[in-house]
Amino acid sequence: MNNYTKPRPSIRVKILGSGTANQLPITVVGRECWALRQLMAAGDAGCTPIDQPGPRWSHYVWKLRSYGLMIETEHEKHDGAYPGHHARYFLRSDLEVIEATDDVNASVAA
């Protein structure tokens, strides 16, 4: 089994506008699926690479935005041994989850 054939998590959602779906459903797989689930679970608190470590948060967000998802970015400073700044991401799109799978053999309908 290689990276192209192994099971990957996925989520199928509709983006809602004014309470109704305003486009066809989209399916997000792999790391972008993980990031979308993190954003959905975080709600108004948002997600940061500090609290939810992921190797390429900015890339995941860029790809999710290409699907038409509204994701807001705020920049925050942090202290500690390596002071600097990081992004906090907020999912601003209202979504309806149609289907979510952890792998090819197990699905959970929302």
PDB file of N, CA and C in Angstrom:
ATOM      1  N   MET A   1       0.843  -1.173   0.000  1.00  0.00           N
ATOM      2  CA  MET A   1       0.000   0.000   0.000  1.00  0.00           C
ATOM      3  C   MET A   1       0.894   1.244   0.000  1.00  0.00           C
ATOM      4  N   ASN A   2       0.624   2.188  -0.860  1.00  0.00           N
ATOM      5  CA  ASN A   2       1.413   3.418  -0.899  1.00  0.00           C
ATOM      6  C   ASN A   2       0.511   4.610  -0.561  1.00  0.00           C
ATOM      7  N   ASN A   3       1.058   5.816  -0.607  1.00  0.00           N
ATOM      8  CA  ASN A   3       0.302   7.009  -0.254  1.00  0.00           C
ATOM      9  C   ASN A   3      -0.900   7.255  -1.157  1.00  0.00           C
ATOM     10  N   TYR A   4      -0.901   6.700  -2.353  1.00  0.00           N
ATOM     11  CA  TYR A   4      -1.999   6.932  -3.283  1.00  0.00           C
ATOM     12  C   TYR A   4      -3.132   5.934  -3.104  1.00  0.00           C
ATOM     13  N   THR A   5      -2.868   4.803  -2.449  1.00  0.00           N
ATOM     14  CA  THR A   5      -3.895   3.781  -2.299  1.00  0.00           C
ATOM     15  C   THR A   5      -4.341   3.554  -0.869  1.00  0.00           C
ATOM     16  N   LYS A   6      -3.621   4.060   0.124  1.00  0.00           N
ATOM     17  CA  LYS A   6      -4.027   3.813   1.503  1.00  0.00           C
ATOM     18  C   LYS A   6      -5.247   4.667   1.859  1.00  0.00           C
ATOM     19  N   PRO A   7      -6.095   4.167   2.749  1.00  0.00           N
ATOM     20  CA  PRO A   7      -7.292   4.908   3.142  1.00  0.00           C
ATOM     21  C   PRO A   7      -6.933   6.248   3.784  1.00  0.00           C
ATOM     22  N   ARG A   8      -7.729   7.274   3.463  1.00  0.00           N
ATOM     23  CA  ARG A   8      -7.517   8.595   4.049  1.00  0.00           C
ATOM     24  C   ARG A   8      -8.847   9.110   4.587  1.00  0.00           C
ATOM     25  N   PRO A   9      -8.815   9.843   5.697  1.00  0.00           N
ATOM     26  CA  PRO A   9     -10.061  10.401   6.217  1.00  0.00           C
ATOM     27  C   PRO A   9     -10.639  11.407   5.237  1.00  0.00           C
ATOM     28  N   SER A  10     -11.952  11.527   5.257  1.00  0.00           N
ATOM     29  CA  SER A  10     -12.601  12.502   4.380  1.00  0.00           C
ATOM     30  C   SER A  10     -13.834  13.066   5.064  1.00  0.00           C
ATOM     31  N   ILE A  11     -14.260  14.221   4.595  1.00  0.00           N
ATOM     32  CA  ILE A  11     -15.494  14.841   5.068  1.00  0.00           C
ATOM     33  C   ILE A  11     -16.159  15.502   3.863  1.00  0.00           C
ATOM     34  N   ARG A  12     -17.461  15.318   3.746  1.00  0.00           N
ATOM     35  CA  ARG A  12     -18.236  15.901   2.646  1.00  0.00           C
ATOM     36  C   ARG A  12     -19.185  16.911   3.267  1.00  0.00           C
ATOM     37  N   VAL A  13     -19.104  18.163   2.805  1.00  0.00           N
ATOM     38  CA  VAL A  13     -19.890  19.241   3.391  1.00  0.00           C
ATOM     39  C   VAL A  13     -20.543  20.095   2.305  1.00  0.00           C
ATOM     40  N   LYS A  14     -21.596  20.785   2.719  1.00  0.00           N
ATOM     41  CA  LYS A  14     -22.199  21.823   1.892  1.00  0.00           C
ATOM     42  C   LYS A  14     -21.957  23.145   2.597  1.00  0.00           C
ATOM     43  N   ILE A  15     -21.570  24.149   1.835  1.00  0.00           N
ATOM     44  CA  ILE A  15     -21.409  25.496   2.379  1.00  0.00           C
ATOM     45  C   ILE A  15     -22.776  26.160   2.335  1.00  0.00           C
ATOM     46  N   LEU A  16     -23.208  26.667   3.490  1.00  0.00           N
ATOM     47  CA  LEU A  16     -24.526  27.276   3.591  1.00  0.00           C
ATOM     48  C   LEU A  16     -24.431  28.792   3.500  1.00  0.00           C
ATOM     49  N   GLY A  17     -25.412  29.388   2.868  1.00  0.00           N
ATOM     50  CA  GLY A  17     -25.552  30.839   2.811  1.00  0.00           C
ATOM     51  C   GLY A  17     -26.998  31.157   3.118  1.00  0.00           C
ATOM     52  N   SER A  18     -27.260  31.939   4.134  1.00  0.00           N
ATOM     53  CA  SER A  18     -28.622  32.259   4.570  1.00  0.00           C
ATOM     54  C   SER A  18     -29.395  30.991   4.933  1.00  0.00           C
ATOM     55  N   GLY A  19     -28.710  29.996   5.491  1.00  0.00           N
ATOM     56  CA  GLY A  19     -29.362  28.781   5.943  1.00  0.00           C
ATOM     57  C   GLY A  19     -29.598  27.725   4.880  1.00  0.00           C
ATOM     58  N   THR A  20     -29.271  28.019   3.621  1.00  0.00           N
ATOM     59  CA  THR A  20     -29.456  27.027   2.555  1.00  0.00           C
ATOM     60  C   THR A  20     -28.144  26.826   1.812  1.00  0.00           C
ATOM     61  N   ALA A  21     -27.998  25.650   1.220  1.00  0.00           N
ATOM     62  CA  ALA A  21     -26.776  25.351   0.477  1.00  0.00           C
ATOM     63  C   ALA A  21     -26.668  26.276  -0.722  1.00  0.00           C
ATOM     64  N   ASN A  22     -25.505  26.903  -0.903  1.00  0.00           N
ATOM     65  CA  ASN A  22     -25.331  27.835  -2.017  1.00  0.00           C
ATOM     66  C   ASN A  22     -24.373  27.313  -3.083  1.00  0.00           C
ATOM     67  N   GLN A  23     -24.024  26.036  -3.014  1.00  0.00           N
ATOM     68  CA  GLN A  23     -23.194  25.423  -4.045  1.00  0.00           C
ATOM     69  C   GLN A  23     -23.263  23.914  -3.883  1.00  0.00           C
ATOM     70  N   LEU A  24     -22.642  23.188  -4.790  1.00  0.00           N
ATOM     71  CA  LEU A  24     -22.596  21.734  -4.704  1.00  0.00           C
ATOM     72  C   LEU A  24     -21.749  21.312  -3.509  1.00  0.00           C
ATOM     73  N   PRO A  25     -21.991  20.122  -2.973  1.00  0.00           N
ATOM     74  CA  PRO A  25     -21.166  19.641  -1.862  1.00  0.00           C
ATOM     75  C   PRO A  25     -19.698  19.520  -2.278  1.00  0.00           C
ATOM     76  N   ILE A  26     -18.818  19.646  -1.305  1.00  0.00           N
ATOM     77  CA  ILE A  26     -17.389  19.453  -1.545  1.00  0.00           C
ATOM     78  C   ILE A  26     -16.901  18.318  -0.651  1.00  0.00           C
ATOM     79  N   THR A  27     -15.902  17.610  -1.123  1.00  0.00           N
ATOM     80  CA  THR A  27     -15.286  16.539  -0.344  1.00  0.00           C
ATOM     81  C   THR A  27     -13.845  16.929  -0.076  1.00  0.00           C
ATOM     82  N   VAL A  28     -13.465  16.896   1.184  1.00  0.00           N
ATOM     83  CA  VAL A  28     -12.119  17.258   1.613  1.00  0.00           C
ATOM     84  C   VAL A  28     -11.484  16.004   2.202  1.00  0.00           C
ATOM     85  N   VAL A  29     -10.253  15.697   1.801  1.00  0.00           N
ATOM     86  CA  VAL A  29      -9.597  14.469   2.248  1.00  0.00           C
ATOM     87  C   VAL A  29      -8.237  14.762   2.880  1.00  0.00           C
ATOM     88  N   GLY A  30      -7.746  13.777   3.615  1.00  0.00           N
ATOM     89  CA  GLY A  30      -6.387  13.828   4.156  1.00  0.00           C
ATOM     90  C   GLY A  30      -6.165  14.919   5.186  1.00  0.00           C
ATOM     91  N   ARG A  31      -5.020  15.582   5.067  1.00  0.00           N
ATOM     92  CA  ARG A  31      -4.652  16.623   6.035  1.00  0.00           C
ATOM     93  C   ARG A  31      -5.610  17.802   6.024  1.00  0.00           C
ATOM     94  N   GLU A  32      -6.149  18.131   4.849  1.00  0.00           N
ATOM     95  CA  GLU A  32      -7.110  19.230   4.779  1.00  0.00           C
ATOM     96  C   GLU A  32      -8.387  18.857   5.536  1.00  0.00           C
ATOM     97  N   CYS A  33      -8.763  17.578   5.485  1.00  0.00           N
ATOM     98  CA  CYS A  33      -9.901  17.084   6.261  1.00  0.00           C
ATOM     99  C   CYS A  33      -9.621  17.272   7.748  1.00  0.00           C
ATOM    100  N   TRP A  34      -8.427  16.887   8.182  1.00  0.00           N
ATOM    101  CA  TRP A  34      -8.049  17.052   9.586  1.00  0.00           C
ATOM    102  C   TRP A  34      -8.150  18.519   9.989  1.00  0.00           C
ATOM    103  N   ALA A  35      -7.610  19.415   9.173  1.00  0.00           N
ATOM    104  CA  ALA A  35      -7.627  20.841   9.491  1.00  0.00           C
ATOM    105  C   ALA A  35      -9.057  21.372   9.552  1.00  0.00           C
ATOM    106  N   LEU A  36      -9.903  20.973   8.615  1.00  0.00           N
ATOM    107  CA  LEU A  36     -11.290  21.426   8.620  1.00  0.00           C
ATOM    108  C   LEU A  36     -12.002  20.941   9.871  1.00  0.00           C
ATOM    109  N   ARG A  37     -11.775  19.702  10.258  1.00  0.00           N
ATOM    110  CA  ARG A  37     -12.389  19.188  11.488  1.00  0.00           C
ATOM    111  C   ARG A  37     -11.902  19.953  12.711  1.00  0.00           C
ATOM    112  N   GLN A  38     -10.616  20.304  12.743  1.00  0.00           N
ATOM    113  CA  GLN A  38     -10.083  21.096  13.850  1.00  0.00           C
ATOM    114  C   GLN A  38     -10.760  22.462  13.913  1.00  0.00           C
ATOM    115  N   LEU A  39     -10.917  23.105  12.750  1.00  0.00           N
ATOM    116  CA  LEU A  39     -11.568  24.416  12.688  1.00  0.00           C
ATOM    117  C   LEU A  39     -13.024  24.330  13.121  1.00  0.00           C
ATOM    118  N   MET A  40     -13.712  23.296  12.695  1.00  0.00           N
ATOM    119  CA  MET A  40     -15.113  23.126  13.063  1.00  0.00           C
ATOM    120  C   MET A  40     -15.251  22.908  14.567  1.00  0.00           C
ATOM    121  N   ALA A  41     -14.381  22.104  15.147  1.00  0.00           N
ATOM    122  CA  ALA A  41     -14.435  21.808  16.579  1.00  0.00           C
ATOM    123  C   ALA A  41     -14.057  23.020  17.424  1.00  0.00           C
ATOM    124  N   ALA A  42     -13.149  23.852  16.927  1.00  0.00           N
ATOM    125  CA  ALA A  42     -12.664  25.002  17.695  1.00  0.00           C
ATOM    126  C   ALA A  42     -13.705  26.106  17.810  1.00  0.00           C
ATOM    127  N   GLY A  43     -14.554  26.234  16.814  1.00  0.00           N
ATOM    128  CA  GLY A  43     -15.592  27.269  16.855  1.00  0.00           C
ATOM    129  C   GLY A  43     -14.999  28.665  16.953  1.00  0.00           C
ATOM    130  N   ASP A  44     -15.553  29.470  17.867  1.00  0.00           N
ATOM    131  CA  ASP A  44     -15.128  30.862  18.011  1.00  0.00           C
ATOM    132  C   ASP A  44     -13.737  31.015  18.619  1.00  0.00           C
ATOM    133  N   ALA A  45     -13.186  29.954  19.201  1.00  0.00           N
ATOM    134  CA  ALA A  45     -11.837  30.029  19.777  1.00  0.00           C
ATOM    135  C   ALA A  45     -10.774  30.014  18.688  1.00  0.00           C
ATOM    136  N   GLY A  46     -11.082  29.425  17.547  1.00  0.00           N
ATOM    137  CA  GLY A  46     -10.115  29.349  16.457  1.00  0.00           C
ATOM    138  C   GLY A  46      -9.022  28.332  16.724  1.00  0.00           C
ATOM    139  N   CYS A  47      -8.181  28.129  15.738  1.00  0.00           N
ATOM    140  CA  CYS A  47      -7.079  27.160  15.801  1.00  0.00           C
ATOM    141  C   CYS A  47      -5.756  27.860  15.562  1.00  0.00           C
ATOM    142  N   THR A  48      -4.740  27.389  16.262  1.00  0.00           N
ATOM    143  CA  THR A  48      -3.384  27.868  16.019  1.00  0.00           C
ATOM    144  C   THR A  48      -2.456  26.672  15.865  1.00  0.00           C
ATOM    145  N   PRO A  49      -1.349  26.847  15.159  1.00  0.00           N
ATOM    146  CA  PRO A  49      -0.364  25.772  15.074  1.00  0.00           C
ATOM    147  C   PRO A  49       0.268  25.465  16.431  1.00  0.00           C
ATOM    148  N   ILE A  50       0.142  26.382  17.391  1.00  0.00           N
ATOM    149  CA  ILE A  50       0.683  26.163  18.735  1.00  0.00           C
ATOM    150  C   ILE A  50      -0.207  25.178  19.496  1.00  0.00           C
ATOM    151  N   ASP A  51      -1.533  25.372  19.428  1.00  0.00           N
ATOM    152  CA  ASP A  51      -2.482  24.535  20.172  1.00  0.00           C
ATOM    153  C   ASP A  51      -2.834  23.240  19.442  1.00  0.00           C
ATOM    154  N   GLN A  52      -2.902  23.279  18.123  1.00  0.00           N
ATOM    155  CA  GLN A  52      -3.204  22.109  17.307  1.00  0.00           C
ATOM    156  C   GLN A  52      -2.043  21.933  16.320  1.00  0.00           C
ATOM    157  N   PRO A  53      -0.951  21.322  16.769  1.00  0.00           N
ATOM    158  CA  PRO A  53       0.223  21.211  15.905  1.00  0.00           C
ATOM    159  C   PRO A  53      -0.071  20.475  14.600  1.00  0.00           C
ATOM    160  N   GLY A  54       0.355  21.079  13.536  1.00  0.00           N
ATOM    161  CA  GLY A  54       0.247  20.494  12.203  1.00  0.00           C
ATOM    162  C   GLY A  54       1.376  21.062  11.372  1.00  0.00           C
ATOM    163  N   PRO A  55       1.979  20.262  10.509  1.00  0.00           N
ATOM    164  CA  PRO A  55       3.170  20.724   9.810  1.00  0.00           C
ATOM    165  C   PRO A  55       2.955  21.877   8.835  1.00  0.00           C
ATOM    166  N   ARG A  56       1.748  22.019   8.259  1.00  0.00           N
ATOM    167  CA  ARG A  56       1.566  23.029   7.217  1.00  0.00           C
ATOM    168  C   ARG A  56       0.216  23.726   7.331  1.00  0.00           C
ATOM    169  N   TRP A  57      -0.106  24.291   8.488  1.00  0.00           N
ATOM    170  CA  TRP A  57      -1.412  24.922   8.687  1.00  0.00           C
ATOM    171  C   TRP A  57      -1.725  25.942   7.602  1.00  0.00           C
ATOM    172  N   SER A  58      -0.766  26.782   7.260  1.00  0.00           N
ATOM    173  CA  SER A  58      -1.047  27.824   6.266  1.00  0.00           C
ATOM    174  C   SER A  58      -1.416  27.209   4.916  1.00  0.00           C
ATOM    175  N   HIS A  59      -0.800  26.106   4.567  1.00  0.00           N
ATOM    176  CA  HIS A  59      -1.121  25.437   3.305  1.00  0.00           C
ATOM    177  C   HIS A  59      -2.505  24.795   3.367  1.00  0.00           C
ATOM    178  N   TYR A  60      -2.833  24.169   4.500  1.00  0.00           N
ATOM    179  CA  TYR A  60      -4.165  23.568   4.646  1.00  0.00           C
ATOM    180  C   TYR A  60      -5.234  24.643   4.489  1.00  0.00           C
ATOM    181  N   VAL A  61      -5.028  25.780   5.128  1.00  0.00           N
ATOM    182  CA  VAL A  61      -6.004  26.878   5.047  1.00  0.00           C
ATOM    183  C   VAL A  61      -6.094  27.388   3.614  1.00  0.00           C
ATOM    184  N   TRP A  62      -4.973  27.532   2.941  1.00  0.00           N
ATOM    185  CA  TRP A  62      -4.974  27.988   1.547  1.00  0.00           C
ATOM    186  C   TRP A  62      -5.794  27.042   0.679  1.00  0.00           C
ATOM    187  N   LYS A  63      -5.599  25.728   0.870  1.00  0.00           N
ATOM    188  CA  LYS A  63      -6.352  24.759   0.084  1.00  0.00           C
ATOM    189  C   LYS A  63      -7.836  24.778   0.436  1.00  0.00           C
ATOM    190  N   LEU A  64      -8.171  24.912   1.721  1.00  0.00           N
ATOM    191  CA  LEU A  64      -9.581  24.978   2.115  1.00  0.00           C
ATOM    192  C   LEU A  64     -10.258  26.218   1.540  1.00  0.00           C
ATOM    193  N   ARG A  65      -9.541  27.328   1.501  1.00  0.00           N
ATOM    194  CA  ARG A  65     -10.102  28.540   0.892  1.00  0.00           C
ATOM    195  C   ARG A  65     -10.362  28.333  -0.598  1.00  0.00           C
ATOM    196  N   SER A  66      -9.556  27.508  -1.251  1.00  0.00           N
ATOM    197  CA  SER A  66      -9.762  27.261  -2.689  1.00  0.00           C
ATOM    198  C   SER A  66     -11.069  26.514  -2.950  1.00  0.00           C
ATOM    199  N   TYR A  67     -11.606  25.840  -1.937  1.00  0.00           N
ATOM    200  CA  TYR A  67     -12.912  25.182  -2.051  1.00  0.00           C
ATOM    201  C   TYR A  67     -14.064  26.175  -1.876  1.00  0.00           C
ATOM    202  N   GLY A  68     -13.737  27.382  -1.447  1.00  0.00           N
ATOM    203  CA  GLY A  68     -14.774  28.385  -1.220  1.00  0.00           C
ATOM    204  C   GLY A  68     -15.094  28.611   0.241  1.00  0.00           C
ATOM    205  N   LEU A  69     -14.337  27.988   1.147  1.00  0.00           N
ATOM    206  CA  LEU A  69     -14.575  28.180   2.574  1.00  0.00           C
ATOM    207  C   LEU A  69     -14.029  29.527   3.020  1.00  0.00           C
ATOM    208  N   MET A  70     -14.777  30.198   3.875  1.00  0.00           N
ATOM    209  CA  MET A  70     -14.339  31.475   4.443  1.00  0.00           C
ATOM    210  C   MET A  70     -13.568  31.181   5.728  1.00  0.00           C
ATOM    211  N   ILE A  71     -12.270  31.487   5.726  1.00  0.00           N
ATOM    212  CA  ILE A  71     -11.428  31.281   6.900  1.00  0.00           C
ATOM    213  C   ILE A  71     -10.691  32.574   7.174  1.00  0.00           C
ATOM    214  N   GLU A  72     -10.892  33.101   8.376  1.00  0.00           N
ATOM    215  CA  GLU A  72     -10.264  34.362   8.784  1.00  0.00           C
ATOM    216  C   GLU A  72      -8.938  34.055   9.481  1.00  0.00           C
ATOM    217  N   THR A  73      -7.949  34.919   9.277  1.00  0.00           N
ATOM    218  CA  THR A  73      -6.647  34.777   9.910  1.00  0.00           C
ATOM    219  C   THR A  73      -6.366  35.991  10.778  1.00  0.00           C
ATOM    220  N   GLU A  74      -5.994  35.756  12.040  1.00  0.00           N
ATOM    221  CA  GLU A  74      -5.523  36.814  12.936  1.00  0.00           C
ATOM    222  C   GLU A  74      -4.112  36.449  13.359  1.00  0.00           C
ATOM    223  N   HIS A  75      -3.231  37.439  13.432  1.00  0.00           N
ATOM    224  CA  HIS A  75      -1.846  37.200  13.833  1.00  0.00           C
ATOM    225  C   HIS A  75      -1.686  37.575  15.296  1.00  0.00           C
ATOM    226  N   GLU A  76      -1.027  36.696  16.064  1.00  0.00           N
ATOM    227  CA  GLU A  76      -0.829  36.887  17.499  1.00  0.00           C
ATOM    228  C   GLU A  76       0.647  36.757  17.838  1.00  0.00           C
ATOM    229  N   LYS A  77       1.070  37.506  18.831  1.00  0.00           N
ATOM    230  CA  LYS A  77       2.439  37.374  19.329  1.00  0.00           C
ATOM    231  C   LYS A  77       2.472  36.305  20.403  1.00  0.00           C
ATOM    232  N   HIS A  78       3.622  35.633  20.529  1.00  0.00           N
ATOM    233  CA  HIS A  78       3.815  34.698  21.623  1.00  0.00           C
ATOM    234  C   HIS A  78       5.204  34.888  22.215  1.00  0.00           C
ATOM    235  N   ASP A  79       5.310  34.592  23.504  1.00  0.00           N
ATOM    236  CA  ASP A  79       6.570  34.701  24.239  1.00  0.00           C
ATOM    237  C   ASP A  79       7.168  33.315  24.379  1.00  0.00           C
ATOM    238  N   GLY A  80       8.045  33.168  25.324  1.00  0.00           N
ATOM    239  CA  GLY A  80       8.664  31.874  25.594  1.00  0.00           C
ATOM    240  C   GLY A  80      10.085  31.823  25.086  1.00  0.00           C
ATOM    241  N   ALA A  81      10.603  30.617  24.989  1.00  0.00           N
ATOM    242  CA  ALA A  81      11.989  30.423  24.572  1.00  0.00           C
ATOM    243  C   ALA A  81      12.225  30.914  23.142  1.00  0.00           C
ATOM    244  N   TYR A  82      11.196  30.858  22.322  1.00  0.00           N
ATOM    245  CA  TYR A  82      11.316  31.286  20.929  1.00  0.00           C
ATOM    246  C   TYR A  82      10.187  32.273  20.612  1.00  0.00           C
ATOM    247  N   PRO A  83      10.309  33.516  21.085  1.00  0.00           N
ATOM    248  CA  PRO A  83       9.232  34.481  20.867  1.00  0.00           C
ATOM    249  C   PRO A  83       9.067  34.812  19.389  1.00  0.00           C
ATOM    250  N   GLY A  84       7.869  35.178  19.048  1.00  0.00           N
ATOM    251  CA  GLY A  84       7.582  35.519  17.660  1.00  0.00           C
ATOM    252  C   GLY A  84       6.100  35.742  17.482  1.00  0.00           C
ATOM    253  N   HIS A  85       5.569  35.300  16.379  1.00  0.00           N
ATOM    254  CA  HIS A  85       4.132  35.426  16.136  1.00  0.00           C
ATOM    255  C   HIS A  85       3.631  34.163  15.438  1.00  0.00           C
ATOM    256  N   HIS A  86       2.334  33.974  15.542  1.00  0.00           N
ATOM    257  CA  HIS A  86       1.693  32.842  14.885  1.00  0.00           C
ATOM    258  C   HIS A  86       0.299  33.274  14.438  1.00  0.00           C
ATOM    259  N   ALA A  87      -0.302  32.470  13.613  1.00  0.00           N
ATOM    260  CA  ALA A  87      -1.647  32.771  13.107  1.00  0.00           C
ATOM    261  C   ALA A  87      -2.682  32.013  13.919  1.00  0.00           C
ATOM    262  N   ARG A  88      -3.855  32.609  14.037  1.00  0.00           N
ATOM    263  CA  ARG A  88      -5.029  31.931  14.580  1.00  0.00           C
ATOM    264  C   ARG A  88      -6.071  31.959  13.473  1.00  0.00           C
ATOM    265  N   TYR A  89      -6.610  30.783  13.146  1.00  0.00           N
ATOM    266  CA  TYR A  89      -7.547  30.642  12.044  1.00  0.00           C
ATOM    267  C   TYR A  89      -8.959  30.404  12.572  1.00  0.00           C
ATOM    268  N   PHE A  90      -9.935  31.066  11.954  1.00  0.00           N
ATOM    269  CA  PHE A  90     -11.334  30.953  12.327  1.00  0.00           C
ATOM    270  C   PHE A  90     -12.153  30.551  11.108  1.00  0.00           C
ATOM    271  N   LEU A  91     -12.937  29.495  11.227  1.00  0.00           N
ATOM    272  CA  LEU A  91     -13.843  29.095  10.161  1.00  0.00           C
ATOM    273  C   LEU A  91     -15.069  29.997  10.242  1.00  0.00           C
ATOM    274  N   ARG A  92     -15.340  30.753   9.192  1.00  0.00           N
ATOM    275  CA  ARG A  92     -16.467  31.683   9.167  1.00  0.00           C
ATOM    276  C   ARG A  92     -17.618  31.199   8.295  1.00  0.00           C
ATOM    277  N   SER A  93     -17.413  30.128   7.538  1.00  0.00           N
ATOM    278  CA  SER A  93     -18.481  29.560   6.714  1.00  0.00           C
ATOM    279  C   SER A  93     -19.382  28.684   7.578  1.00  0.00           C
ATOM    280  N   ASP A  94     -20.681  28.747   7.320  1.00  0.00           N
ATOM    281  CA  ASP A  94     -21.609  27.809   7.936  1.00  0.00           C
ATOM    282  C   ASP A  94     -21.636  26.568   7.057  1.00  0.00           C
ATOM    283  N   LEU A  95     -21.487  25.402   7.686  1.00  0.00           N
ATOM    284  CA  LEU A  95     -21.394  24.158   6.938  1.00  0.00           C
ATOM    285  C   LEU A  95     -22.451  23.162   7.386  1.00  0.00           C
ATOM    286  N   GLU A  96     -22.872  22.342   6.454  1.00  0.00           N
ATOM    287  CA  GLU A  96     -23.702  21.182   6.758  1.00  0.00           C
ATOM    288  C   GLU A  96     -22.872  19.960   6.413  1.00  0.00           C
ATOM    289  N   VAL A  97     -22.615  19.106   7.405  1.00  0.00           N
ATOM    290  CA  VAL A  97     -21.832  17.897   7.168  1.00  0.00           C
ATOM    291  C   VAL A  97     -22.765  16.840   6.591  1.00  0.00           C
ATOM    292  N   ILE A  98     -22.398  16.334   5.435  1.00  0.00           N
ATOM    293  CA  ILE A  98     -23.179  15.301   4.768  1.00  0.00           C
ATOM    294  C   ILE A  98     -22.668  13.921   5.162  1.00  0.00           C
ATOM    295  N   GLU A  99     -21.347  13.777   5.164  1.00  0.00           N
ATOM    296  CA  GLU A  99     -20.739  12.488   5.492  1.00  0.00           C
ATOM    297  C   GLU A  99     -19.322  12.721   5.977  1.00  0.00           C
ATOM    298  N   ALA A 100     -18.894  11.910   6.941  1.00  0.00           N
ATOM    299  CA  ALA A 100     -17.521  11.980   7.432  1.00  0.00           C
ATOM    300  C   ALA A 100     -17.005  10.563   7.603  1.00  0.00           C
ATOM    301  N   THR A 101     -15.805  10.307   7.111  1.00  0.00           N
ATOM    302  CA  THR A 101     -15.203   8.983   7.241  1.00  0.00           C
ATOM    303  C   THR A 101     -13.814   9.108   7.843  1.00  0.00           C
ATOM    304  N   ASP A 102     -13.477   8.132   8.674  1.00  0.00           N
ATOM    305  CA  ASP A 102     -12.116   8.078   9.213  1.00  0.00           C
ATOM    306  C   ASP A 102     -11.216   7.307   8.285  1.00  0.00           C
ATOM    307  N   ASP A 103     -11.790   6.370   7.547  1.00  0.00           N
ATOM    308  CA  ASP A 103     -11.067   5.669   6.496  1.00  0.00           C
ATOM    309  C   ASP A 103     -12.088   5.108   5.505  1.00  0.00           C
ATOM    310  N   VAL A 104     -11.635   4.396   4.530  1.00  0.00           N
ATOM    311  CA  VAL A 104     -12.495   3.916   3.461  1.00  0.00           C
ATOM    312  C   VAL A 104     -13.567   2.950   3.990  1.00  0.00           C
ATOM    313  N   ASN A 105     -13.279   2.205   5.058  1.00  0.00           N
ATOM    314  CA  ASN A 105     -14.198   1.178   5.535  1.00  0.00           C
ATOM    315  C   ASN A 105     -15.161   1.643   6.611  1.00  0.00           C
ATOM    316  N   ALA A 106     -14.930   2.804   7.205  1.00  0.00           N
ATOM    317  CA  ALA A 106     -15.797   3.260   8.291  1.00  0.00           C
ATOM    318  C   ALA A 106     -16.335   4.641   7.960  1.00  0.00           C
ATOM    319  N   SER A 107     -17.634   4.762   7.878  1.00  0.00           N
ATOM    320  CA  SER A 107     -18.218   6.072   7.622  1.00  0.00           C
ATOM    321  C   SER A 107     -19.214   6.406   8.706  1.00  0.00           C
ATOM    322  N   VAL A 108     -19.349   7.688   8.954  1.00  0.00           N
ATOM    323  CA  VAL A 108     -20.289   8.192   9.940  1.00  0.00           C
ATOM    324  C   VAL A 108     -21.099   9.269   9.249  1.00  0.00           C
ATOM    325  N   ALA A 109     -22.381   9.061   9.117  1.00  0.00           N
ATOM    326  CA  ALA A 109     -23.238  10.075   8.520  1.00  0.00           C
ATOM    327  C   ALA A 109     -23.578  11.089   9.602  1.00  0.00           C
ATOM    328  N   ALA A 110     -23.515  12.329   9.250  1.00  0.00           N
ATOM    329  CA  ALA A 110     -23.813  13.390  10.225  1.00  0.00           C
ATOM    330  C   ALA A 110     -25.285  13.703  10.225  1.00  0.00           C
TER     331      ALA A 110
END
